[in-house]
């Protein structure tokens, strides 16, 4: 089992909005986010997944391996400035991932790796 930590920055969320075209105001406008019941602007779910996949690709996989299939569930919002700690467990070609911040699970899922 391995643990990794990453942060979600405002700059990353703003850049992801530009690249993805997802300009939902809950990601970019704190007033709208608060009107919707959030305490801060929230990160795009796929930005969080991209950061998880980057860690798996750079820290876990061998050069000849790649992610064949994956599935993630978002269980709580990820806010700007959050620090997420990933718990990664690899069993043969399956990798289980759980990410926590603010003492709760925010993302969990699995990946299938192939050569």
PDB file of N, CA and C in Angstrom:
ATOM      1  N   UNK A   1       0.845  -1.166   0.000  1.00  0.00           N
ATOM      2  CA  UNK A   1       0.000   0.000   0.000  1.00  0.00           C
ATOM      3  C   UNK A   1       0.898   1.238   0.000  1.00  0.00           C
ATOM      4  N   UNK A   2       0.559   2.207  -0.841  1.00  0.00           N
ATOM      5  CA  UNK A   2       1.340   3.437  -0.940  1.00  0.00           C
ATOM      6  C   UNK A   2       0.420   4.635  -0.756  1.00  0.00           C
ATOM      7  N   UNK A   3       0.981   5.703  -0.177  1.00  0.00           N
ATOM      8  CA  UNK A   3       0.236   6.945   0.013  1.00  0.00           C
ATOM      9  C   UNK A   3       0.924   8.079  -0.730  1.00  0.00           C
ATOM     10  N   UNK A   4       0.099   8.933  -1.341  1.00  0.00           N
ATOM     11  CA  UNK A   4       0.582  10.111  -2.059  1.00  0.00           C
ATOM     12  C   UNK A   4      -0.354  11.258  -1.725  1.00  0.00           C
ATOM     13  N   UNK A   5       0.173  12.468  -1.777  1.00  0.00           N
ATOM     14  CA  UNK A   5      -0.623  13.650  -1.467  1.00  0.00           C
ATOM     15  C   UNK A   5      -0.513  14.655  -2.609  1.00  0.00           C
ATOM     16  N   UNK A   6      -1.624  15.312  -2.913  1.00  0.00           N
ATOM     17  CA  UNK A   6      -1.615  16.404  -3.883  1.00  0.00           C
ATOM     18  C   UNK A   6      -2.611  17.464  -3.470  1.00  0.00           C
ATOM     19  N   UNK A   7      -2.437  18.657  -4.013  1.00  0.00           N
ATOM     20  CA  UNK A   7      -3.320  19.788  -3.735  1.00  0.00           C
ATOM     21  C   UNK A   7      -4.098  20.159  -4.985  1.00  0.00           C
ATOM     22  N   UNK A   8      -5.232  20.786  -4.774  1.00  0.00           N
ATOM     23  CA  UNK A   8      -6.028  21.364  -5.863  1.00  0.00           C
ATOM     24  C   UNK A   8      -5.897  22.880  -5.743  1.00  0.00           C
ATOM     25  N   UNK A   9      -5.352  23.501  -6.784  1.00  0.00           N
ATOM     26  CA  UNK A   9      -5.156  24.951  -6.734  1.00  0.00           C
ATOM     27  C   UNK A   9      -6.200  25.675  -7.589  1.00  0.00           C
ATOM     28  N   UNK A  10      -6.387  26.934  -7.283  1.00  0.00           N
ATOM     29  CA  UNK A  10      -7.314  27.761  -8.059  1.00  0.00           C
ATOM     30  C   UNK A  10      -6.852  27.866  -9.506  1.00  0.00           C
ATOM     31  N   UNK A  11      -5.538  28.006  -9.697  1.00  0.00           N
ATOM     32  CA  UNK A  11      -4.995  28.099 -11.052  1.00  0.00           C
ATOM     33  C   UNK A  11      -5.309  26.839 -11.867  1.00  0.00           C
ATOM     34  N   UNK A  12      -5.168  25.669 -11.251  1.00  0.00           N
ATOM     35  CA  UNK A  12      -5.481  24.419 -11.952  1.00  0.00           C
ATOM     36  C   UNK A  12      -6.956  24.360 -12.356  1.00  0.00           C
ATOM     37  N   UNK A  13      -7.835  24.764 -11.452  1.00  0.00           N
ATOM     38  CA  UNK A  13      -9.276  24.746 -11.748  1.00  0.00           C
ATOM     39  C   UNK A  13      -9.585  25.706 -12.893  1.00  0.00           C
ATOM     40  N   UNK A  14      -8.997  26.901 -12.857  1.00  0.00           N
ATOM     41  CA  UNK A  14      -9.235  27.876 -13.923  1.00  0.00           C
ATOM     42  C   UNK A  14      -8.703  27.372 -15.266  1.00  0.00           C
ATOM     43  N   UNK A  15      -7.505  26.778 -15.259  1.00  0.00           N
ATOM     44  CA  UNK A  15      -6.939  26.233 -16.494  1.00  0.00           C
ATOM     45  C   UNK A  15      -7.762  25.056 -17.006  1.00  0.00           C
ATOM     46  N   UNK A  16      -8.227  24.211 -16.087  1.00  0.00           N
ATOM     47  CA  UNK A  16      -9.041  23.062 -16.503  1.00  0.00           C
ATOM     48  C   UNK A  16     -10.348  23.544 -17.134  1.00  0.00           C
ATOM     49  N   UNK A  17     -10.932  24.593 -16.594  1.00  0.00           N
ATOM     50  CA  UNK A  17     -12.164  25.138 -17.165  1.00  0.00           C
ATOM     51  C   UNK A  17     -11.928  25.598 -18.607  1.00  0.00           C
ATOM     52  N   UNK A  18     -10.802  26.231 -18.854  1.00  0.00           N
ATOM     53  CA  UNK A  18     -10.485  26.698 -20.204  1.00  0.00           C
ATOM     54  C   UNK A  18     -10.276  25.513 -21.142  1.00  0.00           C
ATOM     55  N   UNK A  19      -9.459  24.563 -20.712  1.00  0.00           N
ATOM     56  CA  UNK A  19      -9.136  23.419 -21.571  1.00  0.00           C
ATOM     57  C   UNK A  19     -10.351  22.551 -21.847  1.00  0.00           C
ATOM     58  N   UNK A  20     -11.161  22.295 -20.819  1.00  0.00           N
ATOM     59  CA  UNK A  20     -12.301  21.384 -20.964  1.00  0.00           C
ATOM     60  C   UNK A  20     -13.543  22.075 -21.527  1.00  0.00           C
ATOM     61  N   UNK A  21     -13.612  23.389 -21.371  1.00  0.00           N
ATOM     62  CA  UNK A  21     -14.826  24.103 -21.767  1.00  0.00           C
ATOM     63  C   UNK A  21     -15.915  24.036 -20.710  1.00  0.00           C
ATOM     64  N   UNK A  22     -15.629  23.428 -19.562  1.00  0.00           N
ATOM     65  CA  UNK A  22     -16.598  23.320 -18.465  1.00  0.00           C
ATOM     66  C   UNK A  22     -16.469  24.562 -17.600  1.00  0.00           C
ATOM     67  N   UNK A  23     -17.312  25.541 -17.876  1.00  0.00           N
ATOM     68  CA  UNK A  23     -17.288  26.817 -17.168  1.00  0.00           C
ATOM     69  C   UNK A  23     -18.421  26.943 -16.158  1.00  0.00           C
ATOM     70  N   UNK A  24     -18.873  25.822 -15.642  1.00  0.00           N
ATOM     71  CA  UNK A  24     -19.927  25.846 -14.625  1.00  0.00           C
ATOM     72  C   UNK A  24     -19.483  26.772 -13.499  1.00  0.00           C
ATOM     73  N   UNK A  25     -20.319  27.731 -13.128  1.00  0.00           N
ATOM     74  CA  UNK A  25     -19.912  28.720 -12.131  1.00  0.00           C
ATOM     75  C   UNK A  25     -19.602  28.145 -10.749  1.00  0.00           C
ATOM     76  N   UNK A  26     -20.036  26.933 -10.403  1.00  0.00           N
ATOM     77  CA  UNK A  26     -19.667  26.379  -9.091  1.00  0.00           C
ATOM     78  C   UNK A  26     -18.165  26.131  -9.003  1.00  0.00           C
ATOM     79  N   UNK A  27     -17.496  26.080 -10.163  1.00  0.00           N
ATOM     80  CA  UNK A  27     -16.050  25.908 -10.200  1.00  0.00           C
ATOM     81  C   UNK A  27     -15.309  27.244 -10.191  1.00  0.00           C
ATOM     82  N   UNK A  28     -15.978  28.309 -10.619  1.00  0.00           N
ATOM     83  CA  UNK A  28     -15.282  29.568 -10.895  1.00  0.00           C
ATOM     84  C   UNK A  28     -15.776  30.779 -10.107  1.00  0.00           C
ATOM     85  N   UNK A  29     -16.937  30.686  -9.483  1.00  0.00           N
ATOM     86  CA  UNK A  29     -17.536  31.831  -8.802  1.00  0.00           C
ATOM     87  C   UNK A  29     -17.956  31.420  -7.396  1.00  0.00           C
ATOM     88  N   UNK A  30     -17.261  31.957  -6.403  1.00  0.00           N
ATOM     89  CA  UNK A  30     -17.540  31.546  -5.022  1.00  0.00           C
ATOM     90  C   UNK A  30     -18.963  31.882  -4.596  1.00  0.00           C
ATOM     91  N   UNK A  31     -19.503  32.983  -5.103  1.00  0.00           N
ATOM     92  CA  UNK A  31     -20.880  33.345  -4.769  1.00  0.00           C
ATOM     93  C   UNK A  31     -21.869  32.296  -5.244  1.00  0.00           C
ATOM     94  N   UNK A  32     -21.705  31.844  -6.460  1.00  0.00           N
ATOM     95  CA  UNK A  32     -22.584  30.803  -7.003  1.00  0.00           C
ATOM     96  C   UNK A  32     -22.385  29.497  -6.241  1.00  0.00           C
ATOM     97  N   UNK A  33     -21.128  29.144  -5.962  1.00  0.00           N
ATOM     98  CA  UNK A  33     -20.848  27.911  -5.220  1.00  0.00           C
ATOM     99  C   UNK A  33     -21.551  27.938  -3.861  1.00  0.00           C
ATOM    100  N   UNK A  34     -21.485  29.082  -3.182  1.00  0.00           N
ATOM    101  CA  UNK A  34     -22.135  29.186  -1.873  1.00  0.00           C
ATOM    102  C   UNK A  34     -23.655  29.142  -1.999  1.00  0.00           C
ATOM    103  N   UNK A  35     -24.202  29.750  -3.055  1.00  0.00           N
ATOM    104  CA  UNK A  35     -25.651  29.678  -3.293  1.00  0.00           C
ATOM    105  C   UNK A  35     -26.105  28.229  -3.485  1.00  0.00           C
ATOM    106  N   UNK A  36     -25.220  27.414  -4.023  1.00  0.00           N
ATOM    107  CA  UNK A  36     -25.538  26.010  -4.270  1.00  0.00           C
ATOM    108  C   UNK A  36     -25.251  25.117  -3.058  1.00  0.00           C
ATOM    109  N   UNK A  37     -24.824  25.716  -1.946  1.00  0.00           N
ATOM    110  CA  UNK A  37     -24.628  24.962  -0.713  1.00  0.00           C
ATOM    111  C   UNK A  37     -23.208  24.499  -0.444  1.00  0.00           C
ATOM    112  N   UNK A  38     -22.256  24.949  -1.263  1.00  0.00           N
ATOM    113  CA  UNK A  38     -20.858  24.584  -1.055  1.00  0.00           C
ATOM    114  C   UNK A  38     -20.168  25.668  -0.239  1.00  0.00           C
ATOM    115  N   UNK A  39     -19.116  25.297   0.466  1.00  0.00           N
ATOM    116  CA  UNK A  39     -18.402  26.282   1.282  1.00  0.00           C
ATOM    117  C   UNK A  39     -17.332  27.030   0.498  1.00  0.00           C
ATOM    118  N   UNK A  40     -17.019  26.553  -0.703  1.00  0.00           N
ATOM    119  CA  UNK A  40     -15.994  27.175  -1.538  1.00  0.00           C
ATOM    120  C   UNK A  40     -16.250  26.712  -2.969  1.00  0.00           C
ATOM    121  N   UNK A  41     -15.487  27.243  -3.914  1.00  0.00           N
ATOM    122  CA  UNK A  41     -15.551  26.744  -5.284  1.00  0.00           C
ATOM    123  C   UNK A  41     -15.088  25.297  -5.281  1.00  0.00           C
ATOM    124  N   UNK A  42     -15.706  24.472  -6.128  1.00  0.00           N
ATOM    125  CA  UNK A  42     -15.352  23.060  -6.157  1.00  0.00           C
ATOM    126  C   UNK A  42     -14.542  22.732  -7.404  1.00  0.00           C
ATOM    127  N   UNK A  43     -13.658  21.780  -7.247  1.00  0.00           N
ATOM    128  CA  UNK A  43     -12.842  21.321  -8.367  1.00  0.00           C
ATOM    129  C   UNK A  43     -13.689  20.476  -9.309  1.00  0.00           C
ATOM    130  N   UNK A  44     -13.340  20.505 -10.566  1.00  0.00           N
ATOM    131  CA  UNK A  44     -13.961  19.607 -11.541  1.00  0.00           C
ATOM    132  C   UNK A  44     -13.609  18.176 -11.142  1.00  0.00           C
ATOM    133  N   UNK A  45     -14.575  17.285 -11.197  1.00  0.00           N
ATOM    134  CA  UNK A  45     -14.303  15.890 -10.873  1.00  0.00           C
ATOM    135  C   UNK A  45     -13.226  15.295 -11.758  1.00  0.00           C
ATOM    136  N   UNK A  46     -13.261  15.617 -13.038  1.00  0.00           N
ATOM    137  CA  UNK A  46     -12.282  15.038 -13.952  1.00  0.00           C
ATOM    138  C   UNK A  46     -10.890  15.631 -13.765  1.00  0.00           C
ATOM    139  N   UNK A  47     -10.786  16.829 -13.191  1.00  0.00           N
ATOM    140  CA  UNK A  47      -9.473  17.356 -12.827  1.00  0.00           C
ATOM    141  C   UNK A  47      -8.885  16.495 -11.709  1.00  0.00           C
ATOM    142  N   UNK A  48      -9.705  16.159 -10.735  1.00  0.00           N
ATOM    143  CA  UNK A  48      -9.253  15.293  -9.643  1.00  0.00           C
ATOM    144  C   UNK A  48      -8.831  13.934 -10.191  1.00  0.00           C
ATOM    145  N   UNK A  49      -9.624  13.368 -11.095  1.00  0.00           N
ATOM    146  CA  UNK A  49      -9.261  12.086 -11.712  1.00  0.00           C
ATOM    147  C   UNK A  49      -7.945  12.211 -12.471  1.00  0.00           C
ATOM    148  N   UNK A  50      -7.755  13.292 -13.206  1.00  0.00           N
ATOM    149  CA  UNK A  50      -6.518  13.486 -13.971  1.00  0.00           C
ATOM    150  C   UNK A  50      -5.311  13.512 -13.040  1.00  0.00           C
ATOM    151  N   UNK A  51      -5.453  14.150 -11.895  1.00  0.00           N
ATOM    152  CA  UNK A  51      -4.337  14.194 -10.942  1.00  0.00           C
ATOM    153  C   UNK A  51      -4.063  12.802 -10.373  1.00  0.00           C
ATOM    154  N   UNK A  52      -5.111  12.037 -10.095  1.00  0.00           N
ATOM    155  CA  UNK A  52      -4.942  10.662  -9.613  1.00  0.00           C
ATOM    156  C   UNK A  52      -4.236   9.823 -10.681  1.00  0.00           C
ATOM    157  N   UNK A  53      -4.707   9.912 -11.929  1.00  0.00           N
ATOM    158  CA  UNK A  53      -4.097   9.136 -13.009  1.00  0.00           C
ATOM    159  C   UNK A  53      -2.637   9.530 -13.228  1.00  0.00           C
ATOM    160  N   UNK A  54      -2.323  10.806 -13.074  1.00  0.00           N
ATOM    161  CA  UNK A  54      -0.942  11.255 -13.192  1.00  0.00           C
ATOM    162  C   UNK A  54      -0.049  10.625 -12.136  1.00  0.00           C
ATOM    163  N   UNK A  55      -0.532  10.562 -10.913  1.00  0.00           N
ATOM    164  CA  UNK A  55       0.251   9.939  -9.843  1.00  0.00           C
ATOM    165  C   UNK A  55       0.428   8.447 -10.115  1.00  0.00           C
ATOM    166  N   UNK A  56      -0.646   7.771 -10.496  1.00  0.00           N
ATOM    167  CA  UNK A  56      -0.542   6.336 -10.792  1.00  0.00           C
ATOM    168  C   UNK A  56       0.442   6.111 -11.933  1.00  0.00           C
ATOM    169  N   UNK A  57       0.328   6.882 -12.998  1.00  0.00           N
ATOM    170  CA  UNK A  57       1.207   6.714 -14.159  1.00  0.00           C
ATOM    171  C   UNK A  57       2.668   6.982 -13.827  1.00  0.00           C
ATOM    172  N   UNK A  58       2.929   8.018 -13.051  1.00  0.00           N
ATOM    173  CA  UNK A  58       4.303   8.430 -12.763  1.00  0.00           C
ATOM    174  C   UNK A  58       4.943   7.710 -11.579  1.00  0.00           C
ATOM    175  N   UNK A  59       4.133   7.244 -10.639  1.00  0.00           N
ATOM    176  CA  UNK A  59       4.680   6.686  -9.403  1.00  0.00           C
ATOM    177  C   UNK A  59       4.467   5.180  -9.224  1.00  0.00           C
ATOM    178  N   UNK A  60       3.490   4.609  -9.898  1.00  0.00           N
ATOM    179  CA  UNK A  60       3.132   3.204  -9.667  1.00  0.00           C
ATOM    180  C   UNK A  60       3.453   2.322 -10.876  1.00  0.00           C
ATOM    181  N   UNK A  61       3.073   2.763 -12.049  1.00  0.00           N
ATOM    182  CA  UNK A  61       3.205   1.918 -13.239  1.00  0.00           C
ATOM    183  C   UNK A  61       4.642   1.834 -13.743  1.00  0.00           C
ATOM    184  N   UNK A  62       4.973   0.675 -14.275  1.00  0.00           N
ATOM    185  CA  UNK A  62       6.249   0.500 -14.975  1.00  0.00           C
ATOM    186  C   UNK A  62       6.117   1.137 -16.359  1.00  0.00           C
ATOM    187  N   UNK A  63       7.241   1.467 -17.010  1.00  0.00           N
ATOM    188  CA  UNK A  63       7.173   2.143 -18.316  1.00  0.00           C
ATOM    189  C   UNK A  63       6.361   1.392 -19.378  1.00  0.00           C
ATOM    190  N   UNK A  64       6.324   0.082 -19.327  1.00  0.00           N
ATOM    191  CA  UNK A  64       5.597  -0.687 -20.336  1.00  0.00           C
ATOM    192  C   UNK A  64       4.125  -0.913 -19.966  1.00  0.00           C
ATOM    193  N   UNK A  65       3.672  -0.397 -18.839  1.00  0.00           N
ATOM    194  CA  UNK A  65       2.282  -0.568 -18.409  1.00  0.00           C
ATOM    195  C   UNK A  65       1.471   0.687 -18.722  1.00  0.00           C
ATOM    196  N   UNK A  66       0.190   0.488 -18.911  1.00  0.00           N
ATOM    197  CA  UNK A  66      -0.722   1.627 -19.087  1.00  0.00           C
ATOM    198  C   UNK A  66      -2.083   1.256 -18.531  1.00  0.00           C
ATOM    199  N   UNK A  67      -2.875   2.288 -18.281  1.00  0.00           N
ATOM    200  CA  UNK A  67      -4.217   2.095 -17.734  1.00  0.00           C
ATOM    201  C   UNK A  67      -5.139   1.679 -18.866  1.00  0.00           C
ATOM    202  N   UNK A  68      -5.740   0.517 -18.724  1.00  0.00           N
ATOM    203  CA  UNK A  68      -6.652  -0.035 -19.721  1.00  0.00           C
ATOM    204  C   UNK A  68      -8.088   0.428 -19.462  1.00  0.00           C
ATOM    205  N   UNK A  69      -8.450   0.482 -18.196  1.00  0.00           N
ATOM    206  CA  UNK A  69      -9.826   0.806 -17.831  1.00  0.00           C
ATOM    207  C   UNK A  69      -9.810   1.356 -16.404  1.00  0.00           C
ATOM    208  N   UNK A  70     -10.746   2.273 -16.126  1.00  0.00           N
ATOM    209  CA  UNK A  70     -10.844   2.787 -14.759  1.00  0.00           C
ATOM    210  C   UNK A  70     -12.272   3.204 -14.449  1.00  0.00           C
ATOM    211  N   UNK A  71     -12.550   3.273 -13.154  1.00  0.00           N
ATOM    212  CA  UNK A  71     -13.854   3.743 -12.688  1.00  0.00           C
ATOM    213  C   UNK A  71     -13.653   4.443 -11.349  1.00  0.00           C
ATOM    214  N   UNK A  72     -14.198   5.652 -11.236  1.00  0.00           N
ATOM    215  CA  UNK A  72     -14.093   6.408  -9.995  1.00  0.00           C
ATOM    216  C   UNK A  72     -15.464   6.895  -9.571  1.00  0.00           C
ATOM    217  N   UNK A  73     -15.631   6.998  -8.264  1.00  0.00           N
ATOM    218  CA  UNK A  73     -16.837   7.549  -7.674  1.00  0.00           C
ATOM    219  C   UNK A  73     -16.432   8.745  -6.824  1.00  0.00           C
ATOM    220  N   UNK A  74     -17.161   9.833  -6.960  1.00  0.00           N
ATOM    221  CA  UNK A  74     -16.919  11.031  -6.156  1.00  0.00           C
ATOM    222  C   UNK A  74     -17.900  10.996  -4.995  1.00  0.00           C
ATOM    223  N   UNK A  75     -17.388  10.972  -3.779  1.00  0.00           N
ATOM    224  CA  UNK A  75     -18.250  10.801  -2.616  1.00  0.00           C
ATOM    225  C   UNK A  75     -18.429  12.079  -1.802  1.00  0.00           C
ATOM    226  N   UNK A  76     -17.633  13.095  -2.112  1.00  0.00           N
ATOM    227  CA  UNK A  76     -17.725  14.376  -1.419  1.00  0.00           C
ATOM    228  C   UNK A  76     -17.028  15.421  -2.289  1.00  0.00           C
ATOM    229  N   UNK A  77     -17.450  16.679  -2.227  1.00  0.00           N
ATOM    230  CA  UNK A  77     -16.804  17.696  -3.065  1.00  0.00           C
ATOM    231  C   UNK A  77     -15.340  17.898  -2.705  1.00  0.00           C
ATOM    232  N   UNK A  78     -14.553  18.233  -3.707  1.00  0.00           N
ATOM    233  CA  UNK A  78     -13.163  18.639  -3.525  1.00  0.00           C
ATOM    234  C   UNK A  78     -13.136  20.143  -3.760  1.00  0.00           C
ATOM    235  N   UNK A  79     -12.685  20.883  -2.756  1.00  0.00           N
ATOM    236  CA  UNK A  79     -12.674  22.341  -2.819  1.00  0.00           C
ATOM    237  C   UNK A  79     -11.289  22.869  -3.206  1.00  0.00           C
ATOM    238  N   UNK A  80     -11.270  24.066  -3.759  1.00  0.00           N
ATOM    239  CA  UNK A  80     -10.000  24.725  -4.034  1.00  0.00           C
ATOM    240  C   UNK A  80      -9.191  24.796  -2.750  1.00  0.00           C
ATOM    241  N   UNK A  81      -7.919  24.477  -2.868  1.00  0.00           N
ATOM    242  CA  UNK A  81      -7.037  24.496  -1.706  1.00  0.00           C
ATOM    243  C   UNK A  81      -6.989  23.192  -0.938  1.00  0.00           C
ATOM    244  N   UNK A  82      -7.865  22.245  -1.263  1.00  0.00           N
ATOM    245  CA  UNK A  82      -7.854  20.962  -0.561  1.00  0.00           C
ATOM    246  C   UNK A  82      -6.572  20.195  -0.833  1.00  0.00           C
ATOM    247  N   UNK A  83      -6.139  19.464   0.182  1.00  0.00           N
ATOM    248  CA  UNK A  83      -5.031  18.531   0.037  1.00  0.00           C
ATOM    249  C   UNK A  83      -5.632  17.126   0.142  1.00  0.00           C
ATOM    250  N   UNK A  84      -5.411  16.340  -0.881  1.00  0.00           N
ATOM    251  CA  UNK A  84      -5.973  14.992  -0.943  1.00  0.00           C
ATOM    252  C   UNK A  84      -4.848  13.993  -0.720  1.00  0.00           C
ATOM    253  N   UNK A  85      -5.100  13.044   0.159  1.00  0.00           N
ATOM    254  CA  UNK A  85      -4.158  11.956   0.395  1.00  0.00           C
ATOM    255  C   UNK A  85      -4.727  10.696  -0.233  1.00  0.00           C
ATOM    256  N   UNK A  86      -3.957  10.132  -1.156  1.00  0.00           N
ATOM    257  CA  UNK A  86      -4.362   8.911  -1.847  1.00  0.00           C
ATOM    258  C   UNK A  86      -3.763   7.703  -1.165  1.00  0.00           C
ATOM    259  N   UNK A  87      -4.586   6.679  -1.009  1.00  0.00           N
ATOM    260  CA  UNK A  87      -4.138   5.379  -0.554  1.00  0.00           C
ATOM    261  C   UNK A  87      -4.272   4.468  -1.764  1.00  0.00           C
ATOM    262  N   UNK A  88      -3.149   3.947  -2.251  1.00  0.00           N
ATOM    263  CA  UNK A  88      -3.139   3.146  -3.479  1.00  0.00           C
ATOM    264  C   UNK A  88      -2.652   1.751  -3.160  1.00  0.00           C
ATOM    265  N   UNK A  89      -3.435   0.764  -3.573  1.00  0.00           N
ATOM    266  CA  UNK A  89      -3.098  -0.638  -3.336  1.00  0.00           C
ATOM    267  C   UNK A  89      -3.159  -1.386  -4.662  1.00  0.00           C
ATOM    268  N   UNK A  90      -2.071  -2.043  -5.021  1.00  0.00           N
ATOM    269  CA  UNK A  90      -2.023  -2.782  -6.286  1.00  0.00           C
ATOM    270  C   UNK A  90      -2.056  -4.281  -6.024  1.00  0.00           C
ATOM    271  N   UNK A  91      -2.967  -4.956  -6.712  1.00  0.00           N
ATOM    272  CA  UNK A  91      -3.085  -6.402  -6.675  1.00  0.00           C
ATOM    273  C   UNK A  91      -3.031  -6.903  -8.111  1.00  0.00           C
ATOM    274  N   UNK A  92      -1.898  -7.456  -8.501  1.00  0.00           N
ATOM    275  CA  UNK A  92      -1.686  -7.903  -9.880  1.00  0.00           C
ATOM    276  C   UNK A  92      -1.949  -6.749 -10.834  1.00  0.00           C
ATOM    277  N   UNK A  93      -2.958  -6.897 -11.709  1.00  0.00           N
ATOM    278  CA  UNK A  93      -3.217  -5.845 -12.693  1.00  0.00           C
ATOM    279  C   UNK A  93      -4.346  -4.899 -12.276  1.00  0.00           C
ATOM    280  N   UNK A  94      -4.792  -4.984 -11.036  1.00  0.00           N
ATOM    281  CA  UNK A  94      -5.854  -4.099 -10.546  1.00  0.00           C
ATOM    282  C   UNK A  94      -5.296  -3.197  -9.449  1.00  0.00           C
ATOM    283  N   UNK A  95      -5.612  -1.919  -9.554  1.00  0.00           N
ATOM    284  CA  UNK A  95      -5.168  -0.937  -8.574  1.00  0.00           C
ATOM    285  C   UNK A  95      -6.403  -0.311  -7.938  1.00  0.00           C
ATOM    286  N   UNK A  96      -6.443  -0.334  -6.619  1.00  0.00           N
ATOM    287  CA  UNK A  96      -7.529   0.317  -5.882  1.00  0.00           C
ATOM    288  C   UNK A  96      -7.024   1.648  -5.345  1.00  0.00           C
ATOM    289  N   UNK A  97      -7.881   2.665  -5.440  1.00  0.00           N
ATOM    290  CA  UNK A  97      -7.510   4.025  -5.020  1.00  0.00           C
ATOM    291  C   UNK A  97      -8.600   4.577  -4.109  1.00  0.00           C
ATOM    292  N   UNK A  98      -8.164   5.212  -3.025  1.00  0.00           N
ATOM    293  CA  UNK A  98      -9.079   5.946  -2.160  1.00  0.00           C
ATOM    294  C   UNK A  98      -8.410   7.260  -1.811  1.00  0.00           C
ATOM    295  N   UNK A  99      -9.116   8.356  -2.021  1.00  0.00           N
ATOM    296  CA  UNK A  99      -8.596   9.678  -1.711  1.00  0.00           C
ATOM    297  C   UNK A  99      -9.397  10.336  -0.606  1.00  0.00           C
ATOM    298  N   UNK A 100      -8.684  10.862   0.386  1.00  0.00           N
ATOM    299  CA  UNK A 100      -9.339  11.511   1.521  1.00  0.00           C
ATOM    300  C   UNK A 100      -8.827  12.936   1.703  1.00  0.00           C
ATOM    301  N   UNK A 101      -9.707  13.792   2.163  1.00  0.00           N
ATOM    302  CA  UNK A 101      -9.345  15.111   2.673  1.00  0.00           C
ATOM    303  C   UNK A 101     -10.438  15.545   3.639  1.00  0.00           C
ATOM    304  N   UNK A 102     -10.071  16.434   4.539  1.00  0.00           N
ATOM    305  CA  UNK A 102     -11.000  16.888   5.589  1.00  0.00           C
ATOM    306  C   UNK A 102     -11.639  15.697   6.317  1.00  0.00           C
ATOM    307  N   UNK A 103     -10.856  14.641   6.533  1.00  0.00           N
ATOM    308  CA  UNK A 103     -11.270  13.446   7.283  1.00  0.00           C
ATOM    309  C   UNK A 103     -12.405  12.674   6.631  1.00  0.00           C
ATOM    310  N   UNK A 104     -12.566  12.836   5.319  1.00  0.00           N
ATOM    311  CA  UNK A 104     -13.597  12.044   4.635  1.00  0.00           C
ATOM    312  C   UNK A 104     -13.105  11.614   3.263  1.00  0.00           C
ATOM    313  N   UNK A 105     -13.675  10.523   2.792  1.00  0.00           N
ATOM    314  CA  UNK A 105     -13.344  10.032   1.459  1.00  0.00           C
ATOM    315  C   UNK A 105     -13.998  10.956   0.443  1.00  0.00           C
ATOM    316  N   UNK A 106     -13.210  11.407  -0.546  1.00  0.00           N
ATOM    317  CA  UNK A 106     -13.752  12.281  -1.587  1.00  0.00           C
ATOM    318  C   UNK A 106     -13.771  11.597  -2.957  1.00  0.00           C
ATOM    319  N   UNK A 107     -12.898  10.605  -3.139  1.00  0.00           N
ATOM    320  CA  UNK A 107     -12.863   9.871  -4.399  1.00  0.00           C
ATOM    321  C   UNK A 107     -12.394   8.449  -4.102  1.00  0.00           C
ATOM    322  N   UNK A 108     -13.007   7.491  -4.781  1.00  0.00           N
ATOM    323  CA  UNK A 108     -12.553   6.108  -4.670  1.00  0.00           C
ATOM    324  C   UNK A 108     -12.811   5.415  -5.995  1.00  0.00           C
ATOM    325  N   UNK A 109     -12.019   4.384  -6.238  1.00  0.00           N
ATOM    326  CA  UNK A 109     -12.204   3.668  -7.487  1.00  0.00           C
ATOM    327  C   UNK A 109     -11.113   2.650  -7.724  1.00  0.00           C
ATOM    328  N   UNK A 110     -11.033   2.226  -8.969  1.00  0.00           N
ATOM    329  CA  UNK A 110     -10.079   1.192  -9.359  1.00  0.00           C
ATOM    330  C   UNK A 110      -9.617   1.414 -10.782  1.00  0.00           C
ATOM    331  N   UNK A 111      -8.477   0.811 -11.095  1.00  0.00           N
ATOM    332  CA  UNK A 111      -7.914   0.856 -12.451  1.00  0.00           C
ATOM    333  C   UNK A 111      -7.477  -0.542 -12.822  1.00  0.00           C
ATOM    334  N   UNK A 112      -7.606  -0.869 -14.094  1.00  0.00           N
ATOM    335  CA  UNK A 112      -7.064  -2.104 -14.638  1.00  0.00           C
ATOM    336  C   UNK A 112      -5.851  -1.716 -15.472  1.00  0.00           C
ATOM    337  N   UNK A 113      -4.728  -2.391 -15.218  1.00  0.00           N
ATOM    338  CA  UNK A 113      -3.467  -2.089 -15.895  1.00  0.00           C
ATOM    339  C   UNK A 113      -3.118  -3.249 -16.825  1.00  0.00           C
ATOM    340  N   UNK A 114      -2.570  -2.909 -17.986  1.00  0.00           N
ATOM    341  CA  UNK A 114      -2.159  -3.927 -18.937  1.00  0.00           C
ATOM    342  C   UNK A 114      -0.773  -3.577 -19.479  1.00  0.00           C
ATOM    343  N   UNK A 115      -0.169  -4.557 -20.149  1.00  0.00           N
ATOM    344  CA  UNK A 115       1.153  -4.352 -20.768  1.00  0.00           C
ATOM    345  C   UNK A 115       1.028  -4.478 -22.253  1.00  0.00           C
TER     346      UNK A 115
END
